[in-house]
Amino acid sequence: MKNSFLVILTLLGIQQINAQFTRRDSLQGGLRIERTSYDVKRYDLNITINPEQKSIKGFNEITFDVVIPTQKIQLDLFENMKVDSIVWNAKKLNYKRDNDAVFIDFPEKLASRSNHKLKFYYSGNPRIAKNAPWDGGFVFSKDKAGKDFIAVAVQGTGASLWYPVKDSQTDEPDNGASIKVAVPNGLMNVSNGRFLGSQDLKNGYTRWDWEVKNPINNYTITVNIADYVHIQDKMPDLDLDYYVLRENEAKAREHFMEVKPMMECFQSKFGRYPFWEDGYKLVETPYLGMEHQSAVAYGNKYKKGYMGFDLSGTGVGMFFDYITIHETGHEWFGNSITSMDIADMWIHEGFTTYSETVFIECIKGYDDAMKYINGQAKNVRNDKPIIGQYGVNNEGSGDMYYKGSLLLNTLRHIIGDDEKWWKMVYDYSETFKKKIITSDTVIDYFNKASGTDLTPVFRQYLYTNQLPIFIYKIKGDYLYYSWDNVNEDFNMPIDIGFEDKKIRLKPTLKEQKIKLKKLSKKSFQIYDNQFYVKIKEDN
């Protein structure tokens, strides 16, 4: 839908791109022919990590199909990492580096629908995170016994920080991946998927082999290195594995008891755990957490809430571990359903933040769920739109978390039929399972599933930082009301309670009125816990 607002927004966006984004940004976030000409089918990563030197050495074997005939493709590896060689059909290929992009030349044009493998050998010292997971990179630390405790988190920064990859969310390896990581004897590496076995390399290192059956986001491929203890558990249709520091085994066995009720809740609301072939793991890390597919990073210190605090400020958030619940919610929203561009990361974070409220409602009921989600509203800044700039590796506002969640709660109450709402959410998860989508995909789905044109509502909350204001005043038996701070086409209803009735109003920018006998401020209520808006009384 085009209107003057969207045209202005587009023009502003173009100006912002020209003003603040670099060639590096467009190389990482863009979709030029060197990327779109091929489709990754599989990654086979085989590396050695030296904790003392904080270094990586090895290769990634990349299997791909050619979509459009090409003689050149783009892969990505951070500039500080060394390209040792790139081998295809026993030939070393020529390449050119441009920032973090590696443009690879083949000696002949690759035909459409042909299948190829190349080995990308590399080495170097990967970037060290200053404040993981917000600042991407490796964390090299020690446990209480002085043994190495190492992990990586790269969301937003890029997986090419530590291994050669097509560093774009538009393309996941359809046939999965293997992650083989050699670490010093006495340590274990835990990566995504199923454990295939370990091999003593007779050089002071043991290689730990993992296999992923499902497509996987580049940024969720991971390594976790420590002296881990393995705790095994099981649900009827899902293996549950926990890898924790030896010193924390007893705490972990008790603390992770909430995993089963969480899984039961999520599977009832969002469908079967999408990566059951790869199992589900929680892996202790030296940073707070991250949604690494089938190997969720856990670093919340076995505390309830968020490091012992309730981000909602209501007290409701203190009965569960925020990291366990939130990062597992990402298995459905982010890992299974993935945004094509990180500008649409609300598709990951808004739905996943909403999954916290869903869990609360499963366990404690609707009232506590509404208390929690509305408590989160204090964290919304409304500083800039939730949607970022496309094609330049740019996320929008951090409001994608709480405001995105509150948008979903608002949609639920616009629909006003819980049976229909939960079916829509379930079907959304199933319809786009293991798919890469855009914001338009989400909007189109909810429009069709609801039978309602929700586009103006989505546009208001996602593409502007203007929060709708419901303005009202009382004169005698009349309630006068209207919207302010909204687009002209904004069509969201809002519910009020009067006596024992719930009344649906359909405000516009033009003032309307409704007659309610014996009306006073005390005789009615506005359901602003169900609709994320500001309320203003007009005197």
Protein backbone atom coordinates (compact mmCIF):
# COMPACT_ATOMS: atom_id res chain seq x y z
CA MET A 1 0.00 0.00 0.00
CA LYS A 2 1.46 3.34 -1.06
CA ASN A 3 0.67 6.65 0.60
CA SER A 4 2.43 9.93 1.16
CA PHE A 5 3.84 8.75 4.49
CA LEU A 6 5.54 5.71 2.95
CA VAL A 7 6.93 7.78 0.07
CA ILE A 8 8.42 10.25 2.57
CA LEU A 9 9.78 7.37 4.65
CA THR A 10 11.39 5.83 1.56
CA LEU A 11 13.02 9.12 0.58
CA LEU A 12 14.30 9.61 4.12
CA GLY A 13 15.61 6.05 4.10
CA ILE A 14 17.55 6.65 0.88
CA GLN A 15 19.08 9.80 2.35
CA GLN A 16 20.04 7.94 5.53
CA ILE A 17 21.64 5.12 3.54
CA ASN A 18 23.71 7.61 1.56
CA ALA A 19 24.66 9.45 4.72
CA GLN A 20 25.58 6.74 7.20
CA PHE A 21 26.31 3.40 5.53
CA THR A 22 29.62 2.26 4.08
CA ARG A 23 30.73 -0.04 1.30
CA ARG A 24 31.48 -2.65 3.96
CA ASP A 25 27.85 -2.47 5.10
CA SER A 26 26.50 -2.98 1.59
CA LEU A 27 28.94 -5.81 0.90
CA GLN A 28 27.76 -7.61 4.03
CA GLY A 29 24.06 -6.78 3.75
CA GLY A 30 23.52 -6.56 0.01
CA LEU A 31 22.37 -9.08 -2.59
CA ARG A 32 24.57 -8.65 -5.65
CA ILE A 33 24.81 -11.26 -8.41
CA GLU A 34 27.92 -12.80 -6.84
CA ARG A 35 25.67 -13.89 -3.98
CA THR A 36 22.37 -14.64 -5.70
CA SER A 37 23.95 -16.73 -8.47
CA TYR A 38 24.43 -19.72 -6.17
CA ASP A 39 22.58 -21.59 -3.43
CA VAL A 40 24.46 -23.11 -0.49
CA LYS A 41 23.53 -26.74 0.13
CA ARG A 42 25.90 -27.68 2.94
CA TYR A 43 28.79 -26.51 5.14
CA ASP A 44 31.42 -28.94 6.45
CA LEU A 45 33.60 -27.11 8.92
CA ASN A 46 36.84 -28.72 10.13
CA ILE A 47 39.00 -26.55 12.38
CA THR A 48 41.47 -26.55 15.24
CA ILE A 49 41.13 -23.98 18.03
CA ASN A 50 44.25 -23.19 20.05
CA PRO A 51 43.18 -21.57 23.36
CA GLU A 52 46.69 -20.45 24.27
CA GLN A 53 47.18 -18.60 20.97
CA LYS A 54 43.46 -17.73 20.68
CA SER A 55 43.66 -18.90 17.10
CA ILE A 56 41.73 -20.91 14.51
CA LYS A 57 43.10 -22.93 11.63
CA GLY A 58 41.27 -25.22 9.21
CA PHE A 59 38.77 -25.15 6.39
CA ASN A 60 35.12 -24.96 5.45
CA GLU A 61 34.03 -27.22 2.60
CA ILE A 62 31.12 -25.47 0.93
CA THR A 63 28.70 -27.40 -1.28
CA PHE A 64 26.56 -25.25 -3.56
CA ASP A 65 24.28 -25.32 -6.59
CA VAL A 66 24.57 -22.74 -9.33
CA VAL A 67 21.30 -20.85 -9.86
CA ILE A 68 22.49 -18.40 -12.53
CA PRO A 69 25.55 -19.17 -14.72
CA THR A 70 28.52 -17.45 -13.12
CA GLN A 71 32.28 -17.30 -13.05
CA LYS A 72 32.53 -15.38 -9.81
CA ILE A 73 30.95 -15.76 -6.36
CA GLN A 74 31.18 -13.89 -3.08
CA LEU A 75 32.02 -15.55 0.22
CA ASP A 76 32.84 -13.68 3.39
CA LEU A 77 35.62 -13.75 5.98
CA PHE A 78 36.61 -10.88 8.26
CA GLU A 79 39.64 -8.93 7.04
CA ASN A 80 41.76 -9.84 10.06
CA MET A 81 41.48 -13.55 9.21
CA LYS A 82 43.89 -14.98 6.62
CA VAL A 83 42.78 -16.77 3.45
CA ASP A 84 45.29 -19.62 3.09
CA SER A 85 43.85 -21.06 -0.15
CA ILE A 86 40.59 -21.82 -1.92
CA VAL A 87 40.50 -25.14 -3.75
CA TRP A 88 37.99 -26.36 -6.37
CA ASN A 89 38.44 -29.53 -8.43
CA ALA A 90 42.01 -29.83 -7.12
CA LYS A 91 42.77 -26.30 -8.42
CA LYS A 92 43.65 -23.27 -6.37
CA LEU A 93 41.32 -20.44 -7.25
CA ASN A 94 42.14 -16.78 -7.62
CA TYR A 95 40.32 -14.39 -5.35
CA LYS A 96 40.14 -10.72 -4.42
CA ARG A 97 39.37 -9.31 -0.99
CA ASP A 98 37.20 -6.24 -0.52
CA ASN A 99 36.68 -5.42 3.14
CA ASP A 100 35.22 -8.66 4.59
CA ALA A 101 34.04 -9.94 1.20
CA VAL A 102 36.06 -12.50 -0.74
CA PHE A 103 35.31 -12.55 -4.48
CA ILE A 104 36.33 -15.91 -5.94
CA ASP A 105 37.08 -16.41 -9.65
CA PHE A 106 36.61 -19.76 -11.36
CA PRO A 107 38.64 -20.69 -14.45
CA GLU A 108 35.39 -21.32 -16.36
CA LYS A 109 31.76 -20.28 -16.19
CA LEU A 110 29.76 -22.57 -13.92
CA ALA A 111 26.59 -23.83 -15.56
CA SER A 112 23.12 -23.36 -14.14
CA ARG A 113 21.91 -26.30 -12.02
CA SER A 114 25.46 -27.65 -11.65
CA ASN A 115 26.65 -28.75 -8.21
CA HIS A 116 30.07 -27.88 -6.80
CA LYS A 117 32.29 -28.15 -3.76
CA LEU A 118 35.12 -25.89 -2.76
CA LYS A 119 37.41 -25.96 0.26
CA PHE A 120 38.17 -22.62 1.82
CA TYR A 121 41.32 -22.92 3.97
CA TYR A 122 41.89 -20.15 6.48
CA SER A 123 43.61 -19.22 9.75
CA GLY A 124 44.06 -16.40 12.21
CA ASN A 125 43.00 -14.87 15.49
CA PRO A 126 39.27 -14.17 15.49
CA ARG A 127 37.89 -11.00 16.97
CA ILE A 128 37.54 -11.06 20.76
CA ALA A 129 34.20 -9.87 22.10
CA LYS A 130 34.36 -7.02 24.59
CA ASN A 131 30.81 -7.57 25.78
CA ALA A 132 29.30 -10.74 24.33
CA PRO A 133 26.69 -11.40 23.07
CA TRP A 134 25.99 -7.73 22.21
CA ASP A 135 29.50 -7.25 20.84
CA GLY A 136 30.22 -10.13 18.47
CA GLY A 137 33.25 -12.35 18.87
CA PHE A 138 34.97 -15.04 20.90
CA VAL A 139 35.13 -15.19 24.68
CA PHE A 140 38.27 -16.87 26.06
CA SER A 141 37.88 -17.40 29.79
CA LYS A 142 38.54 -19.94 32.56
CA ASP A 143 36.35 -21.96 34.89
CA LYS A 144 36.93 -22.13 38.66
CA ALA A 145 39.38 -24.99 38.18
CA GLY A 146 41.45 -22.88 35.79
CA LYS A 147 40.44 -24.80 32.68
CA ASP A 148 39.59 -23.08 29.42
CA PHE A 149 35.99 -21.96 28.99
CA ILE A 150 35.48 -20.65 25.45
CA ALA A 151 32.47 -19.71 23.34
CA VAL A 152 31.44 -17.48 20.44
CA ALA A 153 28.46 -15.23 19.64
CA VAL A 154 28.18 -13.29 16.37
CA GLN A 155 24.55 -12.29 15.75
CA GLY A 156 24.46 -8.96 13.93
CA THR A 157 28.25 -8.83 13.65
CA GLY A 158 28.41 -11.75 11.22
CA ALA A 159 29.39 -15.41 11.18
CA SER A 160 32.29 -14.51 8.85
CA LEU A 161 33.96 -13.17 11.99
CA TRP A 162 35.30 -16.70 12.56
CA TYR A 163 34.67 -18.90 9.53
CA PRO A 164 34.31 -18.45 5.74
CA VAL A 165 30.64 -18.40 4.83
CA LYS A 166 27.99 -16.81 2.64
CA ASP A 167 27.25 -14.32 5.38
CA SER A 168 23.63 -13.53 4.59
CA GLN A 169 20.39 -14.65 6.20
CA THR A 170 18.93 -15.15 2.72
CA ASP A 171 20.66 -18.50 2.28
CA GLU A 172 20.89 -21.39 4.73
CA PRO A 173 22.59 -24.71 3.92
CA ASP A 174 19.57 -26.82 2.89
CA ASN A 175 21.29 -30.10 3.73
CA GLY A 176 22.64 -29.05 7.09
CA ALA A 177 26.23 -28.92 8.24
CA SER A 178 28.97 -30.73 10.08
CA ILE A 179 31.11 -28.99 12.66
CA LYS A 180 34.36 -30.74 13.52
CA VAL A 181 36.45 -28.93 16.10
CA ALA A 182 39.78 -30.06 17.55
CA VAL A 183 40.60 -28.76 21.04
CA PRO A 184 43.29 -29.61 23.60
CA ASN A 185 42.91 -32.97 25.33
CA GLY A 186 40.84 -32.72 28.50
CA LEU A 187 38.41 -30.27 26.94
CA MET A 188 35.21 -30.92 25.00
CA ASN A 189 33.66 -28.97 22.14
CA VAL A 190 29.88 -28.84 21.88
CA SER A 191 28.36 -27.62 18.63
CA ASN A 192 24.99 -27.81 16.94
CA GLY A 193 23.11 -31.00 16.14
CA ARG A 194 23.99 -34.56 17.12
CA PHE A 195 27.28 -35.75 18.55
CA LEU A 196 28.93 -38.20 16.13
CA GLY A 197 31.97 -39.04 18.22
CA SER A 198 35.46 -37.83 19.10
CA GLN A 199 38.90 -38.73 17.82
CA ASP A 200 42.25 -38.40 19.57
CA LEU A 201 44.50 -36.82 16.95
CA LYS A 202 47.66 -37.94 18.81
CA ASN A 203 49.04 -34.39 18.84
CA GLY A 204 47.62 -33.19 22.14
CA TYR A 205 44.24 -32.46 20.56
CA THR A 206 40.93 -34.31 20.36
CA ARG A 207 38.45 -33.58 17.58
CA TRP A 208 34.74 -33.45 18.44
CA ASP A 209 32.37 -34.10 15.55
CA TRP A 210 28.79 -32.78 15.30
CA GLU A 211 26.19 -33.15 12.57
CA VAL A 212 23.22 -30.88 11.79
CA LYS A 213 20.43 -32.36 9.70
CA ASN A 214 18.35 -29.20 9.31
CA PRO A 215 18.95 -25.91 7.50
CA ILE A 216 20.70 -23.57 9.92
CA ASN A 217 21.32 -19.83 10.22
CA ASN A 218 24.95 -18.91 9.68
CA TYR A 219 25.13 -16.94 12.93
CA THR A 220 23.80 -19.81 15.03
CA ILE A 221 26.57 -22.26 14.04
CA THR A 222 28.67 -22.37 17.18
CA VAL A 223 31.53 -23.78 19.23
CA ASN A 224 31.52 -24.17 23.02
CA ILE A 225 34.71 -25.42 24.65
CA ALA A 226 35.06 -26.44 28.30
CA ASP A 227 35.41 -29.34 30.71
CA TYR A 228 31.72 -30.10 30.34
CA VAL A 229 29.54 -32.59 32.18
CA HIS A 230 26.76 -34.06 30.03
CA ILE A 231 23.29 -34.37 31.58
CA GLN A 232 20.76 -36.38 29.59
CA ASP A 233 16.98 -36.11 29.76
CA LYS A 234 14.14 -36.93 27.41
CA MET A 235 10.58 -36.12 26.44
CA PRO A 236 8.44 -38.64 24.54
CA ASP A 237 9.39 -37.12 21.18
CA LEU A 238 12.54 -35.14 21.96
CA ASP A 239 16.02 -35.64 23.39
CA LEU A 240 17.09 -33.05 25.96
CA ASP A 241 20.82 -32.63 26.61
CA TYR A 242 22.55 -30.21 28.93
CA TYR A 243 26.28 -29.48 28.84
CA VAL A 244 27.37 -27.63 31.96
CA LEU A 245 30.57 -26.84 33.80
CA ARG A 246 31.55 -29.64 36.15
CA GLU A 247 31.25 -27.28 39.12
CA ASN A 248 27.59 -26.54 38.25
CA GLU A 249 26.23 -30.05 37.64
CA ALA A 250 24.04 -30.24 40.77
CA LYS A 251 22.57 -26.77 40.22
CA ALA A 252 21.87 -27.50 36.56
CA ARG A 253 20.02 -30.74 37.26
CA GLU A 254 17.53 -28.88 39.44
CA HIS A 255 17.40 -25.61 37.52
CA PHE A 256 16.66 -27.11 34.11
CA MET A 257 13.55 -28.87 35.38
CA GLU A 258 11.56 -26.00 33.81
CA VAL A 259 12.61 -27.12 30.31
CA LYS A 260 9.92 -29.80 30.01
CA PRO A 261 6.94 -27.57 30.93
CA MET A 262 8.39 -24.90 28.64
CA MET A 263 8.61 -27.35 25.75
CA GLU A 264 5.10 -28.64 26.40
CA CYS A 265 3.79 -25.08 26.32
CA PHE A 266 5.68 -24.02 23.20
CA GLN A 267 4.80 -27.15 21.27
CA SER A 268 1.11 -26.70 22.13
CA LYS A 269 1.17 -23.06 20.92
CA PHE A 270 3.78 -23.06 18.14
CA GLY A 271 3.87 -26.65 16.87
CA ARG A 272 6.38 -29.44 17.27
CA TYR A 273 9.94 -28.44 18.13
CA PRO A 274 11.25 -27.72 14.63
CA PHE A 275 14.66 -29.37 14.96
CA TRP A 276 13.76 -32.63 16.69
CA GLU A 277 16.12 -34.55 14.37
CA ASP A 278 19.01 -32.56 15.86
CA GLY A 279 17.77 -32.71 19.45
CA TYR A 280 17.67 -29.85 21.95
CA LYS A 281 20.63 -28.72 24.03
CA LEU A 282 21.38 -26.08 26.63
CA VAL A 283 25.10 -25.37 26.70
CA GLU A 284 26.66 -23.32 29.47
CA THR A 285 28.63 -20.32 28.18
CA PRO A 286 30.78 -17.56 29.72
CA TYR A 287 28.35 -14.93 28.37
CA LEU A 288 24.63 -14.42 29.00
CA GLY A 289 23.06 -16.41 26.17
CA MET A 290 22.26 -16.77 22.48
CA GLU A 291 19.79 -18.73 20.35
CA HIS A 292 22.28 -21.09 18.71
CA GLN A 293 20.12 -23.63 16.90
CA SER A 294 19.79 -26.94 18.79
CA ALA A 295 22.64 -25.78 21.07
CA VAL A 296 21.17 -22.85 22.99
CA ALA A 297 23.84 -20.84 24.80
CA TYR A 298 23.05 -20.50 28.50
CA GLY A 299 24.87 -18.12 30.87
CA ASN A 300 22.23 -16.82 33.28
CA LYS A 301 24.09 -18.20 36.32
CA TYR A 302 21.19 -20.51 37.26
CA LYS A 303 19.11 -17.58 38.41
CA LYS A 304 15.47 -16.73 37.88
CA GLY A 305 14.58 -13.70 35.80
CA TYR A 306 17.30 -11.92 33.87
CA MET A 307 20.43 -12.41 35.98
CA GLY A 308 18.18 -12.26 39.04
CA PHE A 309 16.12 -9.26 37.89
CA ASP A 310 12.61 -8.98 36.47
CA LEU A 311 12.77 -6.93 33.27
CA SER A 312 9.01 -6.32 33.47
CA GLY A 313 9.23 -4.82 36.95
CA THR A 314 6.06 -6.67 37.92
CA GLY A 315 7.42 -9.62 39.88
CA VAL A 316 5.89 -12.07 37.40
CA GLY A 317 9.19 -12.47 35.58
CA MET A 318 10.88 -13.99 38.62
CA PHE A 319 9.32 -17.43 38.44
CA PHE A 320 11.25 -18.53 35.33
CA ASP A 321 14.75 -18.28 33.88
CA TYR A 322 14.59 -15.57 31.22
CA ILE A 323 17.47 -16.96 29.13
CA THR A 324 16.14 -20.52 29.03
CA ILE A 325 12.68 -19.38 27.96
CA HIS A 326 13.60 -16.53 25.62
CA GLU A 327 16.47 -18.20 23.79
CA THR A 328 14.49 -21.41 23.36
CA GLY A 329 11.60 -19.40 21.93
CA HIS A 330 14.02 -18.45 19.18
CA GLU A 331 14.09 -22.06 18.01
CA TRP A 332 10.67 -21.31 16.49
CA PHE A 333 11.13 -17.59 15.82
CA GLY A 334 14.53 -16.81 14.34
CA ASN A 335 16.00 -20.25 13.82
CA SER A 336 13.03 -21.93 12.15
CA ILE A 337 11.33 -18.79 10.80
CA THR A 338 14.13 -16.48 9.69
CA SER A 339 14.05 -12.92 8.38
CA MET A 340 15.60 -12.44 4.96
CA ASP A 341 17.27 -9.19 6.04
CA ILE A 342 18.29 -8.19 9.55
CA ALA A 343 16.26 -5.01 9.04
CA ASP A 344 13.30 -7.33 9.74
CA MET A 345 14.74 -8.81 12.93
CA TRP A 346 11.53 -8.04 14.79
CA ILE A 347 10.34 -11.28 13.14
CA HIS A 348 12.87 -12.97 15.45
CA GLU A 349 12.79 -10.77 18.52
CA GLY A 350 9.17 -9.56 18.69
CA PHE A 351 7.72 -13.05 18.40
CA THR A 352 10.31 -14.52 20.77
CA THR A 353 9.72 -11.84 23.41
CA TYR A 354 6.02 -12.64 23.05
CA SER A 355 6.85 -16.31 23.71
CA GLU A 356 7.80 -15.30 27.27
CA THR A 357 4.24 -14.05 27.81
CA VAL A 358 2.89 -17.20 26.17
CA PHE A 359 4.85 -19.32 28.64
CA ILE A 360 3.53 -17.31 31.57
CA GLU A 361 -0.03 -17.74 30.34
CA CYS A 362 0.51 -21.51 29.98
CA ILE A 363 1.76 -21.82 33.56
CA LYS A 364 0.16 -18.98 35.53
CA GLY A 365 -2.80 -17.79 33.44
CA TYR A 366 -3.99 -14.81 31.44
CA ASP A 367 -3.96 -12.15 34.17
CA ASP A 368 -0.31 -12.69 35.05
CA ALA A 369 0.57 -12.81 31.34
CA MET A 370 -1.09 -9.41 30.78
CA LYS A 371 0.62 -8.01 33.86
CA TYR A 372 4.02 -9.16 32.56
CA ILE A 373 3.68 -7.97 28.97
CA ASN A 374 2.38 -4.55 30.00
CA GLY A 375 5.18 -4.25 32.52
CA GLN A 376 7.59 -4.58 29.60
CA ALA A 377 6.13 -1.43 28.04
CA LYS A 378 8.32 0.72 30.30
CA ASN A 379 11.33 -0.58 28.32
CA VAL A 380 10.03 0.75 24.99
CA ARG A 381 11.86 3.88 23.84
CA ASN A 382 9.99 4.73 20.61
CA ASP A 383 13.28 6.21 19.42
CA LYS A 384 13.10 5.08 15.79
CA PRO A 385 11.16 2.57 13.65
CA ILE A 386 11.43 -1.13 14.44
CA ILE A 387 12.22 -1.84 10.77
CA GLY A 388 15.83 -1.03 9.83
CA GLN A 389 17.40 -0.15 6.48
CA TYR A 390 17.43 -2.98 3.97
CA GLY A 391 20.52 -4.19 2.14
CA VAL A 392 23.15 -2.67 4.44
CA ASN A 393 23.24 -5.09 7.41
CA ASN A 394 21.26 -2.69 9.57
CA GLU A 395 18.87 -3.56 12.38
CA GLY A 396 16.09 -1.20 13.41
CA SER A 397 15.26 -0.04 16.91
CA GLY A 398 15.81 -2.26 19.93
CA ASP A 399 12.07 -1.78 20.39
CA MET A 400 11.80 -4.83 18.13
CA TYR A 401 11.75 -6.82 21.40
CA TYR A 402 9.14 -5.24 23.67
CA LYS A 403 7.20 -3.14 21.19
CA GLY A 404 7.14 -6.09 18.80
CA SER A 405 5.70 -8.25 21.56
CA LEU A 406 3.15 -5.61 22.54
CA LEU A 407 2.12 -5.35 18.88
CA LEU A 408 1.32 -9.07 18.88
CA ASN A 409 -0.66 -8.72 22.10
CA THR A 410 -2.55 -5.85 20.44
CA LEU A 411 -3.29 -7.99 17.37
CA ARG A 412 -4.64 -10.73 19.63
CA HIS A 413 -7.16 -8.33 21.12
CA ILE A 414 -8.04 -6.72 17.80
CA ILE A 415 -9.07 -10.19 16.67
CA GLY A 416 -10.90 -10.67 19.97
CA ASP A 417 -11.25 -14.44 19.64
CA ASP A 418 -8.63 -16.45 21.51
CA GLU A 419 -9.40 -19.73 19.79
CA LYS A 420 -8.89 -18.04 16.44
CA TRP A 421 -5.76 -16.21 17.65
CA TRP A 422 -3.94 -19.28 18.92
CA LYS A 423 -4.78 -21.16 15.74
CA MET A 424 -3.34 -18.27 13.74
CA VAL A 425 -0.12 -18.29 15.79
CA TYR A 426 0.18 -22.09 15.53
CA ASP A 427 -0.49 -22.07 11.80
CA TYR A 428 1.97 -19.20 11.30
CA SER A 429 4.72 -21.26 12.95
CA GLU A 430 3.86 -24.32 10.88
CA THR A 431 3.31 -22.50 7.58
CA PHE A 432 6.70 -20.80 7.61
CA LYS A 433 8.65 -23.52 9.41
CA LYS A 434 12.27 -23.56 8.22
CA LYS A 435 11.58 -20.74 5.78
CA ILE A 436 13.12 -17.32 5.16
CA ILE A 437 10.56 -14.52 5.08
CA THR A 438 10.03 -10.74 5.13
CA SER A 439 7.80 -8.37 7.09
CA ASP A 440 5.43 -8.30 4.13
CA THR A 441 5.11 -12.09 4.42
CA VAL A 442 4.04 -11.71 8.05
CA ILE A 443 1.58 -8.92 7.31
CA ASP A 444 0.01 -10.80 4.39
CA TYR A 445 -0.37 -13.94 6.51
CA PHE A 446 -2.12 -12.21 9.40
CA ASN A 447 -4.35 -10.25 7.04
CA LYS A 448 -5.56 -13.44 5.35
CA ALA A 449 -5.76 -15.56 8.49
CA SER A 450 -7.72 -12.91 10.40
CA GLY A 451 -9.91 -11.82 7.49
CA THR A 452 -9.07 -8.25 8.51
CA ASP A 453 -6.91 -5.57 6.92
CA LEU A 454 -4.25 -5.20 9.60
CA THR A 455 -1.73 -3.52 7.29
CA PRO A 456 -2.26 0.02 8.70
CA VAL A 457 -1.72 -1.33 12.22
CA PHE A 458 1.51 -3.11 11.26
CA ARG A 459 2.70 -0.01 9.40
CA GLN A 460 2.05 2.23 12.39
CA TYR A 461 3.93 0.09 14.89
CA LEU A 462 6.75 -1.18 12.66
CA TYR A 463 7.54 1.70 10.32
CA THR A 464 7.03 4.69 12.63
CA ASN A 465 8.10 5.52 16.15
CA GLN A 466 4.75 7.22 16.83
CA LEU A 467 2.65 5.50 19.46
CA PRO A 468 -1.12 5.86 18.86
CA ILE A 469 -2.82 8.20 21.32
CA PHE A 470 -6.44 7.54 22.26
CA ILE A 471 -7.99 10.89 23.11
CA TYR A 472 -11.27 11.03 24.98
CA LYS A 473 -13.47 13.39 26.92
CA ILE A 474 -16.75 13.09 28.77
CA LYS A 475 -19.62 15.55 28.37
CA GLY A 476 -22.83 14.52 30.07
CA ASP A 477 -23.79 11.05 28.86
CA TYR A 478 -21.48 11.26 25.85
CA LEU A 479 -17.99 9.87 25.39
CA TYR A 480 -16.08 11.73 22.68
CA TYR A 481 -13.06 9.94 21.25
CA SER A 482 -10.49 9.94 18.42
CA TRP A 483 -6.99 8.81 17.47
CA ASP A 484 -4.01 11.12 17.41
CA ASN A 485 -0.36 10.59 16.40
CA VAL A 486 -1.32 8.02 13.74
CA ASN A 487 -1.28 7.66 9.97
CA GLU A 488 -4.43 8.74 8.13
CA ASP A 489 -5.38 5.16 7.28
CA PHE A 490 -4.93 3.84 10.83
CA ASN A 491 -7.94 1.58 11.41
CA MET A 492 -7.36 -0.05 14.79
CA PRO A 493 -10.34 -0.52 17.10
CA ILE A 494 -10.09 -0.28 20.87
CA ASP A 495 -12.30 -1.76 23.57
CA ILE A 496 -13.82 -0.02 26.56
CA GLY A 497 -15.76 -1.47 29.47
CA PHE A 498 -18.99 0.14 30.62
CA GLU A 499 -21.00 -1.38 33.45
CA ASP A 500 -20.87 -5.14 32.64
CA LYS A 501 -20.34 -4.74 28.91
CA LYS A 502 -17.30 -4.60 26.65
CA ILE A 503 -17.85 -2.08 23.85
CA ARG A 504 -15.70 -1.90 20.74
CA LEU A 505 -14.96 1.58 19.44
CA LYS A 506 -13.57 2.34 16.01
CA PRO A 507 -11.84 5.68 16.39
CA THR A 508 -10.47 7.74 13.52
CA LEU A 509 -8.59 11.03 13.37
CA LYS A 510 -11.99 12.70 13.34
CA GLU A 511 -13.73 12.96 16.69
CA GLN A 512 -16.70 10.64 17.25
CA LYS A 513 -19.12 10.18 20.13
CA ILE A 514 -21.14 7.45 21.84
CA LYS A 515 -23.96 7.86 24.33
CA LEU A 516 -23.54 5.98 27.61
CA LYS A 517 -26.12 6.78 30.29
CA LYS A 518 -24.75 7.82 33.69
CA LEU A 519 -21.28 8.07 32.21
CA SER A 520 -18.45 9.16 34.50
CA LYS A 521 -14.73 8.56 34.81
CA LYS A 522 -15.41 5.85 37.38
CA SER A 523 -18.12 4.05 35.38
CA PHE A 524 -16.00 2.93 32.45
CA GLN A 525 -12.51 1.66 31.67
CA ILE A 526 -10.25 1.64 28.63
CA TYR A 527 -8.57 -1.70 27.95
CA ASP A 528 -5.12 -0.25 27.41
CA ASN A 529 -3.61 -3.45 28.82
CA GLN A 530 -4.87 -5.18 25.66
CA PHE A 531 -3.98 -2.46 23.15
CA TYR A 532 -0.57 -0.81 23.20
CA VAL A 533 -1.53 2.89 23.10
CA LYS A 534 -1.25 6.07 25.11
CA ILE A 535 -4.38 7.43 26.77
CA LYS A 536 -5.04 11.16 26.93
CA GLU A 537 -8.04 12.84 28.47
CA ASP A 538 -9.04 15.98 26.59
CA ASN A 539 -10.43 18.56 28.92
